[in-house]
Amino acid sequence: MLGRRKRRENPQILRHEPRRRALEAPEAADPAVREAIEAHLEGHLGPCDAVWHELVSDLVHLDVFMWAPTEARPVYTFVTVGMSDRPMTLPPGAEDAGVARRAELLICLPADWPVPADPATIAPWDDPDAYFPIRWLKQLARLPHEHDTWLGFGHSIPTADPPEPLAATTALCGWVLLPPVRP
């Protein structure tokens, strides 16, 4: 008879308990900072093609900006705007080592990924297998604020403990944060 394997605890792995508090309304974002973020994104990615504005927000107001595929960048590009409204809680010495207290997240998806033709509609994002990257982008953007922690380059975030697939159509079970790469 096989026994359960004992999990070795690793002090580098953070395990967060499910949040047990009510929604917390975000503080009003500084319009000048939002404008600076949008100008920065436009300077690197060109004019934004669509924005999905969050209707009900918790901790931070997260909007998701999208750039459609182009010949030069043949992927959909999605970026959070709002994660940086609050600073992340960094470990001692991290800021001195160059870790930023504020960040946004970006994900690129294949040009054939099912994306709503109009931000006023949700189809095909009413299908969890199509929406999971955006849902997770928003979950990850809230994670440091929910758990008084931080996200940075090289961090890996599993879906659960033990990890489960991100969606029914994939075996992927987590995320790795890396610096953006331009083709």
N, C-alpha and C. Protein backbone atom coordinates (compact mmCIF):
# COMPACT_ATOMS: atom_id res chain seq x y z
N MET A 1 0.84 -1.17 0.00
CA MET A 1 0.00 0.00 0.00
C MET A 1 0.89 1.24 0.00
N LEU A 2 0.59 2.15 -0.91
CA LEU A 2 1.38 3.37 -1.01
C LEU A 2 0.81 4.43 -0.08
N GLY A 3 1.68 5.09 0.65
CA GLY A 3 1.25 6.19 1.52
C GLY A 3 1.31 7.51 0.77
N ARG A 4 0.71 8.52 1.35
CA ARG A 4 0.78 9.87 0.77
C ARG A 4 2.18 10.41 0.96
N ARG A 5 2.68 11.01 -0.07
CA ARG A 5 4.00 11.60 -0.01
C ARG A 5 3.93 12.91 0.78
N LYS A 6 4.82 13.10 1.71
CA LYS A 6 4.84 14.32 2.49
C LYS A 6 5.45 15.44 1.64
N ARG A 7 4.75 16.59 1.65
CA ARG A 7 5.23 17.73 0.88
C ARG A 7 6.33 18.43 1.66
N ARG A 8 7.46 18.62 1.00
CA ARG A 8 8.55 19.38 1.61
C ARG A 8 8.23 20.86 1.47
N GLU A 9 8.32 21.59 2.54
CA GLU A 9 8.06 23.01 2.50
C GLU A 9 9.30 23.74 2.00
N ASN A 10 9.10 24.66 1.11
CA ASN A 10 10.17 25.47 0.55
C ASN A 10 9.89 26.92 0.95
N PRO A 11 10.81 27.56 1.65
CA PRO A 11 10.55 28.93 2.10
C PRO A 11 10.42 29.93 0.94
N GLN A 12 10.83 29.55 -0.26
CA GLN A 12 10.71 30.43 -1.42
C GLN A 12 9.32 30.36 -2.05
N ILE A 13 8.52 29.40 -1.64
CA ILE A 13 7.17 29.26 -2.19
C ILE A 13 6.18 29.89 -1.24
N LEU A 14 5.42 30.84 -1.75
CA LEU A 14 4.38 31.49 -0.95
C LEU A 14 3.06 30.81 -1.22
N ARG A 15 2.35 30.46 -0.18
CA ARG A 15 1.02 29.87 -0.32
C ARG A 15 0.04 30.85 0.31
N HIS A 16 -0.96 31.26 -0.45
CA HIS A 16 -1.92 32.25 0.01
C HIS A 16 -3.24 31.57 0.34
N GLU A 17 -3.80 31.93 1.46
CA GLU A 17 -5.12 31.44 1.84
C GLU A 17 -6.17 32.19 1.03
N PRO A 18 -7.30 31.56 0.77
CA PRO A 18 -8.37 32.27 0.06
C PRO A 18 -8.77 33.52 0.86
N ARG A 19 -9.08 34.54 0.14
CA ARG A 19 -9.47 35.82 0.75
C ARG A 19 -10.83 35.67 1.42
N ARG A 20 -10.93 36.18 2.62
CA ARG A 20 -12.17 36.05 3.38
C ARG A 20 -12.71 37.42 3.79
N ARG A 21 -12.68 38.36 2.91
CA ARG A 21 -13.22 39.68 3.23
C ARG A 21 -14.06 40.18 2.06
N ALA A 22 -14.85 41.18 2.34
CA ALA A 22 -15.74 41.73 1.32
C ALA A 22 -14.94 42.52 0.28
N LEU A 23 -15.61 42.85 -0.82
CA LEU A 23 -14.98 43.69 -1.83
C LEU A 23 -14.51 45.00 -1.19
N GLU A 24 -13.38 45.48 -1.64
CA GLU A 24 -12.84 46.74 -1.15
C GLU A 24 -12.75 47.69 -2.34
N ALA A 25 -13.51 48.75 -2.29
CA ALA A 25 -13.53 49.71 -3.40
C ALA A 25 -12.14 50.31 -3.60
N PRO A 26 -11.73 50.44 -4.85
CA PRO A 26 -10.41 51.02 -5.10
C PRO A 26 -10.41 52.52 -4.84
N GLU A 27 -9.22 53.02 -4.53
CA GLU A 27 -9.05 54.46 -4.43
C GLU A 27 -9.08 55.02 -5.85
N ALA A 28 -9.48 56.27 -5.97
CA ALA A 28 -9.51 56.90 -7.29
C ALA A 28 -8.10 56.97 -7.86
N ALA A 29 -7.98 56.56 -9.11
CA ALA A 29 -6.68 56.59 -9.79
C ALA A 29 -6.34 58.03 -10.17
N ASP A 30 -5.07 58.33 -10.18
CA ASP A 30 -4.61 59.65 -10.61
C ASP A 30 -4.74 59.72 -12.13
N PRO A 31 -5.61 60.61 -12.64
CA PRO A 31 -5.81 60.68 -14.10
C PRO A 31 -4.51 60.96 -14.87
N ALA A 32 -3.60 61.73 -14.29
CA ALA A 32 -2.33 62.03 -14.98
C ALA A 32 -1.48 60.76 -15.12
N VAL A 33 -1.51 59.91 -14.11
CA VAL A 33 -0.75 58.66 -14.18
C VAL A 33 -1.36 57.74 -15.23
N ARG A 34 -2.70 57.63 -15.22
CA ARG A 34 -3.37 56.80 -16.23
C ARG A 34 -3.03 57.30 -17.64
N GLU A 35 -3.06 58.60 -17.84
CA GLU A 35 -2.73 59.17 -19.15
C GLU A 35 -1.28 58.85 -19.53
N ALA A 36 -0.38 58.92 -18.56
CA ALA A 36 1.04 58.61 -18.83
C ALA A 36 1.20 57.14 -19.21
N ILE A 37 0.48 56.25 -18.54
CA ILE A 37 0.54 54.83 -18.87
C ILE A 37 0.03 54.61 -20.29
N GLU A 38 -1.12 55.20 -20.60
CA GLU A 38 -1.68 55.05 -21.95
C GLU A 38 -0.75 55.61 -23.01
N ALA A 39 -0.11 56.75 -22.75
CA ALA A 39 0.84 57.33 -23.72
C ALA A 39 2.05 56.42 -23.89
N HIS A 40 2.52 55.83 -22.79
CA HIS A 40 3.65 54.90 -22.86
C HIS A 40 3.29 53.69 -23.73
N LEU A 41 2.12 53.12 -23.48
CA LEU A 41 1.69 51.95 -24.25
C LEU A 41 1.53 52.31 -25.73
N GLU A 42 0.92 53.45 -26.01
CA GLU A 42 0.74 53.87 -27.40
C GLU A 42 2.10 54.10 -28.07
N GLY A 43 3.06 54.62 -27.34
CA GLY A 43 4.39 54.84 -27.90
C GLY A 43 5.09 53.55 -28.30
N HIS A 44 4.78 52.46 -27.59
CA HIS A 44 5.41 51.17 -27.89
C HIS A 44 4.56 50.27 -28.78
N LEU A 45 3.21 50.38 -28.65
CA LEU A 45 2.32 49.44 -29.35
C LEU A 45 1.45 50.10 -30.41
N GLY A 46 1.43 51.43 -30.47
CA GLY A 46 0.55 52.13 -31.40
C GLY A 46 -0.80 52.40 -30.75
N PRO A 47 -1.72 52.94 -31.51
CA PRO A 47 -3.05 53.23 -30.96
C PRO A 47 -3.75 51.95 -30.50
N CYS A 48 -4.40 52.02 -29.37
CA CYS A 48 -5.12 50.89 -28.80
C CYS A 48 -6.37 50.61 -29.64
N ASP A 49 -6.66 49.33 -29.87
CA ASP A 49 -7.83 48.96 -30.67
C ASP A 49 -9.11 48.79 -29.86
N ALA A 50 -8.99 48.45 -28.58
CA ALA A 50 -10.18 48.26 -27.75
C ALA A 50 -9.78 48.30 -26.28
N VAL A 51 -10.74 48.68 -25.45
CA VAL A 51 -10.55 48.67 -24.00
C VAL A 51 -11.78 48.03 -23.38
N TRP A 52 -11.54 47.06 -22.50
CA TRP A 52 -12.63 46.48 -21.72
C TRP A 52 -12.56 47.11 -20.33
N HIS A 53 -13.51 48.02 -20.06
CA HIS A 53 -13.56 48.73 -18.78
C HIS A 53 -14.25 47.86 -17.74
N GLU A 54 -13.65 47.80 -16.59
CA GLU A 54 -14.21 47.02 -15.50
C GLU A 54 -15.41 47.76 -14.92
N LEU A 55 -16.50 47.04 -14.70
CA LEU A 55 -17.72 47.65 -14.17
C LEU A 55 -17.75 47.61 -12.65
N VAL A 56 -17.32 46.51 -12.05
CA VAL A 56 -17.25 46.38 -10.60
C VAL A 56 -15.80 46.06 -10.27
N SER A 57 -15.21 46.90 -9.43
CA SER A 57 -13.79 46.74 -9.13
C SER A 57 -13.57 46.39 -7.67
N ASP A 58 -12.50 45.62 -7.44
CA ASP A 58 -12.08 45.26 -6.10
C ASP A 58 -10.60 45.60 -5.96
N LEU A 59 -10.26 46.42 -4.99
CA LEU A 59 -8.90 46.83 -4.67
C LEU A 59 -8.31 47.80 -5.67
N VAL A 60 -8.31 47.44 -6.94
CA VAL A 60 -7.86 48.34 -8.01
C VAL A 60 -8.85 48.26 -9.16
N HIS A 61 -8.99 49.35 -9.89
CA HIS A 61 -9.87 49.36 -11.07
C HIS A 61 -9.03 48.90 -12.26
N LEU A 62 -9.31 47.68 -12.74
CA LEU A 62 -8.52 47.09 -13.83
C LEU A 62 -9.25 47.19 -15.16
N ASP A 63 -8.64 47.87 -16.09
CA ASP A 63 -9.12 47.85 -17.47
C ASP A 63 -8.15 47.00 -18.26
N VAL A 64 -8.64 46.39 -19.32
CA VAL A 64 -7.79 45.57 -20.19
C VAL A 64 -7.77 46.23 -21.56
N PHE A 65 -6.59 46.65 -21.99
CA PHE A 65 -6.39 47.29 -23.29
C PHE A 65 -5.95 46.21 -24.28
N MET A 66 -6.39 46.34 -25.53
CA MET A 66 -6.05 45.34 -26.55
C MET A 66 -5.51 46.01 -27.82
N TRP A 67 -4.50 45.37 -28.37
CA TRP A 67 -3.97 45.73 -29.68
C TRP A 67 -4.14 44.51 -30.57
N ALA A 68 -4.78 44.72 -31.71
CA ALA A 68 -5.02 43.62 -32.65
C ALA A 68 -3.72 43.27 -33.37
N PRO A 69 -3.65 42.07 -33.93
CA PRO A 69 -2.46 41.68 -34.68
C PRO A 69 -2.20 42.60 -35.86
N THR A 70 -0.93 42.80 -36.13
CA THR A 70 -0.50 43.57 -37.30
C THR A 70 0.57 42.75 -38.01
N GLU A 71 1.00 43.22 -39.14
CA GLU A 71 2.07 42.52 -39.85
C GLU A 71 3.35 42.52 -39.03
N ALA A 72 3.63 43.64 -38.36
CA ALA A 72 4.85 43.74 -37.55
C ALA A 72 4.73 42.98 -36.23
N ARG A 73 3.51 42.87 -35.71
CA ARG A 73 3.27 42.18 -34.44
C ARG A 73 2.08 41.26 -34.65
N PRO A 74 2.30 40.04 -35.12
CA PRO A 74 1.21 39.15 -35.56
C PRO A 74 0.49 38.42 -34.42
N VAL A 75 0.28 39.09 -33.30
CA VAL A 75 -0.42 38.51 -32.14
C VAL A 75 -1.34 39.57 -31.55
N TYR A 76 -2.35 39.11 -30.82
CA TYR A 76 -3.13 40.03 -29.98
C TYR A 76 -2.28 40.37 -28.77
N THR A 77 -2.31 41.62 -28.36
CA THR A 77 -1.59 42.06 -27.17
C THR A 77 -2.59 42.66 -26.21
N PHE A 78 -2.61 42.14 -24.98
CA PHE A 78 -3.49 42.63 -23.93
C PHE A 78 -2.65 43.14 -22.78
N VAL A 79 -3.02 44.31 -22.24
CA VAL A 79 -2.28 44.92 -21.14
C VAL A 79 -3.26 45.39 -20.08
N THR A 80 -2.93 45.12 -18.82
CA THR A 80 -3.74 45.67 -17.73
C THR A 80 -3.38 47.14 -17.55
N VAL A 81 -4.36 47.92 -17.16
CA VAL A 81 -4.12 49.29 -16.72
C VAL A 81 -4.93 49.44 -15.44
N GLY A 82 -4.22 49.59 -14.33
CA GLY A 82 -4.87 49.71 -13.04
C GLY A 82 -4.15 48.95 -11.95
N MET A 83 -3.41 47.92 -12.29
CA MET A 83 -2.66 47.18 -11.28
C MET A 83 -1.72 48.13 -10.53
N SER A 84 -1.16 49.09 -11.24
CA SER A 84 -0.18 50.00 -10.65
C SER A 84 -0.82 51.13 -9.84
N ASP A 85 -2.14 51.14 -9.72
CA ASP A 85 -2.78 52.19 -8.91
C ASP A 85 -2.36 52.08 -7.45
N ARG A 86 -2.02 50.89 -7.01
CA ARG A 86 -1.52 50.67 -5.64
C ARG A 86 -0.12 50.09 -5.73
N PRO A 87 0.74 50.46 -4.82
CA PRO A 87 2.08 49.85 -4.81
C PRO A 87 2.00 48.42 -4.27
N MET A 88 2.89 47.58 -4.76
CA MET A 88 3.00 46.22 -4.24
C MET A 88 3.83 46.24 -2.97
N THR A 89 3.70 45.22 -2.15
CA THR A 89 4.47 45.08 -0.92
C THR A 89 5.73 44.29 -1.24
N LEU A 90 6.86 44.98 -1.28
CA LEU A 90 8.12 44.33 -1.65
C LEU A 90 8.85 43.82 -0.41
N PRO A 91 9.64 42.77 -0.58
CA PRO A 91 10.47 42.31 0.53
C PRO A 91 11.61 43.31 0.77
N PRO A 92 12.19 43.29 1.97
CA PRO A 92 13.29 44.21 2.26
C PRO A 92 14.41 44.08 1.23
N GLY A 93 14.90 45.21 0.78
CA GLY A 93 16.01 45.25 -0.16
C GLY A 93 15.62 45.14 -1.63
N ALA A 94 14.40 44.75 -1.93
CA ALA A 94 14.00 44.55 -3.33
C ALA A 94 14.00 45.86 -4.11
N GLU A 95 13.50 46.92 -3.49
CA GLU A 95 13.47 48.21 -4.19
C GLU A 95 14.89 48.71 -4.46
N ASP A 96 15.79 48.51 -3.50
CA ASP A 96 17.19 48.89 -3.69
C ASP A 96 17.84 48.09 -4.81
N ALA A 97 17.32 46.88 -5.06
CA ALA A 97 17.84 46.02 -6.13
C ALA A 97 17.19 46.33 -7.47
N GLY A 98 16.32 47.35 -7.51
CA GLY A 98 15.72 47.76 -8.78
C GLY A 98 14.34 47.20 -9.07
N VAL A 99 13.72 46.54 -8.10
CA VAL A 99 12.38 46.01 -8.30
C VAL A 99 11.37 47.16 -8.16
N ALA A 100 10.49 47.27 -9.11
CA ALA A 100 9.49 48.34 -9.10
C ALA A 100 8.35 47.99 -8.15
N ARG A 101 7.84 48.99 -7.44
CA ARG A 101 6.71 48.77 -6.54
C ARG A 101 5.38 48.78 -7.29
N ARG A 102 5.40 49.26 -8.51
CA ARG A 102 4.17 49.32 -9.31
C ARG A 102 4.44 48.64 -10.65
N ALA A 103 3.43 47.95 -11.15
CA ALA A 103 3.60 47.22 -12.41
C ALA A 103 2.26 47.03 -13.09
N GLU A 104 2.30 46.71 -14.35
CA GLU A 104 1.15 46.26 -15.13
C GLU A 104 1.56 44.95 -15.78
N LEU A 105 0.59 44.20 -16.27
CA LEU A 105 0.86 42.90 -16.89
C LEU A 105 0.46 42.92 -18.36
N LEU A 106 1.15 42.13 -19.15
CA LEU A 106 0.92 42.04 -20.60
C LEU A 106 0.90 40.57 -20.98
N ILE A 107 0.02 40.23 -21.91
CA ILE A 107 0.00 38.88 -22.47
C ILE A 107 -0.26 39.00 -23.97
N CYS A 108 0.39 38.15 -24.73
CA CYS A 108 0.16 38.06 -26.18
C CYS A 108 -0.51 36.73 -26.47
N LEU A 109 -1.50 36.77 -27.35
CA LEU A 109 -2.23 35.57 -27.75
C LEU A 109 -2.18 35.44 -29.26
N PRO A 110 -2.28 34.22 -29.79
CA PRO A 110 -2.21 34.02 -31.24
C PRO A 110 -3.27 34.82 -31.99
N ALA A 111 -2.97 35.14 -33.24
CA ALA A 111 -3.88 35.94 -34.07
C ALA A 111 -5.22 35.25 -34.29
N ASP A 112 -5.29 33.94 -34.14
CA ASP A 112 -6.57 33.24 -34.33
C ASP A 112 -7.32 33.03 -33.01
N TRP A 113 -6.85 33.67 -31.92
CA TRP A 113 -7.54 33.53 -30.64
C TRP A 113 -8.92 34.17 -30.74
N PRO A 114 -9.96 33.55 -30.18
CA PRO A 114 -11.30 34.13 -30.25
C PRO A 114 -11.41 35.38 -29.35
N VAL A 115 -11.59 36.51 -30.00
CA VAL A 115 -11.66 37.80 -29.32
C VAL A 115 -12.94 38.51 -29.75
N PRO A 116 -13.65 39.16 -28.82
CA PRO A 116 -14.86 39.88 -29.22
C PRO A 116 -14.56 40.94 -30.28
N ALA A 117 -15.44 41.04 -31.26
CA ALA A 117 -15.27 42.03 -32.32
C ALA A 117 -15.53 43.44 -31.81
N ASP A 118 -16.29 43.54 -30.72
CA ASP A 118 -16.68 44.84 -30.17
C ASP A 118 -16.56 44.75 -28.65
N PRO A 119 -15.88 45.72 -27.99
CA PRO A 119 -15.74 45.65 -26.53
C PRO A 119 -17.08 45.73 -25.79
N ALA A 120 -18.15 46.12 -26.46
CA ALA A 120 -19.46 46.17 -25.82
C ALA A 120 -20.10 44.78 -25.73
N THR A 121 -19.52 43.82 -26.41
CA THR A 121 -20.05 42.46 -26.37
C THR A 121 -19.07 41.54 -25.64
N ILE A 122 -19.54 40.38 -25.23
CA ILE A 122 -18.62 39.45 -24.57
C ILE A 122 -18.36 38.20 -25.39
N ALA A 123 -19.28 37.86 -26.29
CA ALA A 123 -19.05 36.65 -27.10
C ALA A 123 -17.80 36.88 -27.93
N PRO A 124 -16.89 35.99 -28.01
CA PRO A 124 -16.83 34.60 -27.56
C PRO A 124 -16.27 34.43 -26.15
N TRP A 125 -16.13 35.53 -25.38
CA TRP A 125 -15.55 35.41 -24.04
C TRP A 125 -16.55 34.89 -23.02
N ASP A 126 -17.75 34.55 -23.45
CA ASP A 126 -18.65 33.85 -22.54
C ASP A 126 -18.25 32.38 -22.44
N ASP A 127 -17.30 31.96 -23.27
CA ASP A 127 -16.74 30.61 -23.22
C ASP A 127 -15.49 30.65 -22.35
N PRO A 128 -15.46 29.94 -21.21
CA PRO A 128 -14.29 29.97 -20.32
C PRO A 128 -12.99 29.56 -21.01
N ASP A 129 -13.08 28.71 -22.04
CA ASP A 129 -11.87 28.28 -22.74
C ASP A 129 -11.29 29.39 -23.61
N ALA A 130 -12.08 30.37 -23.97
CA ALA A 130 -11.58 31.51 -24.73
C ALA A 130 -11.15 32.64 -23.81
N TYR A 131 -11.82 32.78 -22.66
CA TYR A 131 -11.60 33.93 -21.78
C TYR A 131 -10.51 33.71 -20.74
N PHE A 132 -10.09 32.47 -20.51
CA PHE A 132 -9.20 32.21 -19.37
C PHE A 132 -7.94 33.06 -19.35
N PRO A 133 -7.29 33.41 -20.47
CA PRO A 133 -6.08 34.24 -20.34
C PRO A 133 -6.39 35.63 -19.78
N ILE A 134 -7.52 36.19 -20.16
CA ILE A 134 -7.88 37.53 -19.69
C ILE A 134 -8.31 37.46 -18.22
N ARG A 135 -9.09 36.43 -17.89
CA ARG A 135 -9.50 36.25 -16.49
C ARG A 135 -8.27 36.12 -15.59
N TRP A 136 -7.30 35.32 -16.02
CA TRP A 136 -6.10 35.14 -15.22
C TRP A 136 -5.24 36.40 -15.18
N LEU A 137 -5.20 37.14 -16.28
CA LEU A 137 -4.46 38.40 -16.29
C LEU A 137 -4.99 39.31 -15.19
N LYS A 138 -6.31 39.38 -15.08
CA LYS A 138 -6.93 40.22 -14.05
C LYS A 138 -6.70 39.64 -12.65
N GLN A 139 -6.78 38.32 -12.50
CA GLN A 139 -6.53 37.70 -11.20
C GLN A 139 -5.09 37.97 -10.75
N LEU A 140 -4.15 37.82 -11.66
CA LEU A 140 -2.75 38.05 -11.32
C LEU A 140 -2.50 39.52 -10.96
N ALA A 141 -3.19 40.43 -11.65
CA ALA A 141 -3.02 41.86 -11.37
C ALA A 141 -3.52 42.22 -9.98
N ARG A 142 -4.48 41.49 -9.46
CA ARG A 142 -5.01 41.75 -8.12
C ARG A 142 -4.24 40.99 -7.02
N LEU A 143 -3.57 39.91 -7.39
CA LEU A 143 -2.91 39.05 -6.41
C LEU A 143 -2.02 39.81 -5.43
N PRO A 144 -1.12 40.69 -5.87
CA PRO A 144 -0.25 41.35 -4.88
C PRO A 144 -1.02 42.23 -3.90
N HIS A 145 -2.13 42.79 -4.34
CA HIS A 145 -2.91 43.67 -3.48
C HIS A 145 -3.79 42.87 -2.51
N GLU A 146 -4.24 41.71 -2.93
CA GLU A 146 -5.05 40.85 -2.06
C GLU A 146 -4.22 40.23 -0.94
N HIS A 147 -2.96 39.95 -1.23
CA HIS A 147 -2.14 39.18 -0.29
C HIS A 147 -0.92 39.94 0.22
N ASP A 148 -0.88 41.25 0.01
CA ASP A 148 0.24 42.07 0.49
C ASP A 148 1.58 41.47 0.11
N THR A 149 1.73 41.22 -1.19
CA THR A 149 2.96 40.62 -1.70
C THR A 149 3.33 41.35 -3.00
N TRP A 150 4.08 40.71 -3.86
CA TRP A 150 4.51 41.35 -5.10
C TRP A 150 4.67 40.30 -6.19
N LEU A 151 4.69 40.79 -7.40
CA LEU A 151 4.98 39.97 -8.58
C LEU A 151 6.14 40.62 -9.31
N GLY A 152 7.05 39.79 -9.80
CA GLY A 152 8.19 40.31 -10.53
C GLY A 152 8.69 39.29 -11.54
N PHE A 153 9.65 39.70 -12.34
CA PHE A 153 10.21 38.84 -13.37
C PHE A 153 10.74 37.55 -12.75
N GLY A 154 10.40 36.44 -13.39
CA GLY A 154 10.86 35.14 -12.95
C GLY A 154 9.92 34.45 -11.99
N HIS A 155 8.92 35.16 -11.49
CA HIS A 155 7.97 34.51 -10.58
C HIS A 155 7.13 33.51 -11.36
N SER A 156 6.82 32.40 -10.72
CA SER A 156 5.91 31.43 -11.30
C SER A 156 4.70 31.32 -10.37
N ILE A 157 3.53 31.27 -10.98
CA ILE A 157 2.28 31.25 -10.22
C ILE A 157 1.45 30.08 -10.72
N PRO A 158 1.26 29.06 -9.87
CA PRO A 158 0.40 27.94 -10.27
C PRO A 158 -1.06 28.31 -10.11
N THR A 159 -1.93 27.56 -10.72
CA THR A 159 -3.36 27.82 -10.63
C THR A 159 -3.91 27.44 -9.26
N ALA A 160 -3.34 26.44 -8.63
CA ALA A 160 -3.83 25.93 -7.35
C ALA A 160 -2.72 25.10 -6.73
N ASP A 161 -3.00 24.50 -5.60
CA ASP A 161 -2.03 23.64 -4.94
C ASP A 161 -2.72 22.33 -4.57
N PRO A 162 -2.53 21.27 -5.36
CA PRO A 162 -1.64 21.13 -6.51
C PRO A 162 -2.21 21.82 -7.75
N PRO A 163 -1.35 22.16 -8.70
CA PRO A 163 -1.79 22.87 -9.91
C PRO A 163 -2.83 22.09 -10.70
N GLU A 164 -3.76 22.85 -11.28
CA GLU A 164 -4.81 22.32 -12.14
C GLU A 164 -4.73 23.05 -13.48
N PRO A 165 -5.24 22.47 -14.56
CA PRO A 165 -5.20 23.16 -15.85
C PRO A 165 -5.91 24.52 -15.82
N LEU A 166 -5.39 25.45 -16.59
CA LEU A 166 -5.97 26.79 -16.69
C LEU A 166 -7.38 26.76 -17.29
N ALA A 167 -7.63 25.79 -18.15
CA ALA A 167 -8.93 25.64 -18.81
C ALA A 167 -9.04 24.20 -19.30
N ALA A 168 -10.22 23.84 -19.73
CA ALA A 168 -10.46 22.47 -20.20
C ALA A 168 -9.68 22.14 -21.48
N THR A 169 -9.28 23.17 -22.23
CA THR A 169 -8.62 22.95 -23.51
C THR A 169 -7.10 23.00 -23.45
N THR A 170 -6.53 23.06 -22.23
CA THR A 170 -5.08 23.14 -22.14
C THR A 170 -4.59 22.33 -20.94
N ALA A 171 -3.35 21.89 -21.03
CA ALA A 171 -2.70 21.23 -19.90
C ALA A 171 -1.86 22.23 -19.10
N LEU A 172 -1.75 23.46 -19.60
CA LEU A 172 -0.99 24.48 -18.88
C LEU A 172 -1.63 24.70 -17.52
N CYS A 173 -0.79 24.85 -16.49
CA CYS A 173 -1.33 24.94 -15.13
C CYS A 173 -0.70 26.07 -14.31
N GLY A 174 -0.15 27.05 -14.96
CA GLY A 174 0.42 28.17 -14.22
C GLY A 174 0.98 29.22 -15.15
N TRP A 175 1.56 30.23 -14.54
CA TRP A 175 2.10 31.38 -15.28
C TRP A 175 3.53 31.62 -14.85
N VAL A 176 4.34 32.14 -15.76
CA VAL A 176 5.69 32.59 -15.46
C VAL A 176 5.78 34.03 -15.96
N LEU A 177 6.26 34.93 -15.10
CA LEU A 177 6.36 36.34 -15.47
C LEU A 177 7.74 36.62 -16.04
N LEU A 178 7.74 37.14 -17.26
CA LEU A 178 8.99 37.44 -17.97
C LEU A 178 8.91 38.85 -18.52
N PRO A 179 10.07 39.47 -18.81
CA PRO A 179 10.02 40.79 -19.45
C PRO A 179 9.43 40.67 -20.85
N PRO A 180 8.75 41.73 -21.32
CA PRO A 180 8.20 41.66 -22.68
C PRO A 180 9.31 41.53 -23.73
N VAL A 181 9.00 40.81 -24.79
CA VAL A 181 9.94 40.60 -25.88
C VAL A 181 9.26 41.09 -27.15
N ARG A 182 9.94 41.92 -27.90
CA ARG A 182 9.38 42.39 -29.17
C ARG A 182 9.94 41.55 -30.31
N PRO A 183 9.06 41.16 -31.25
CA PRO A 183 9.56 40.38 -32.40
C PRO A 183 10.47 41.22 -33.28
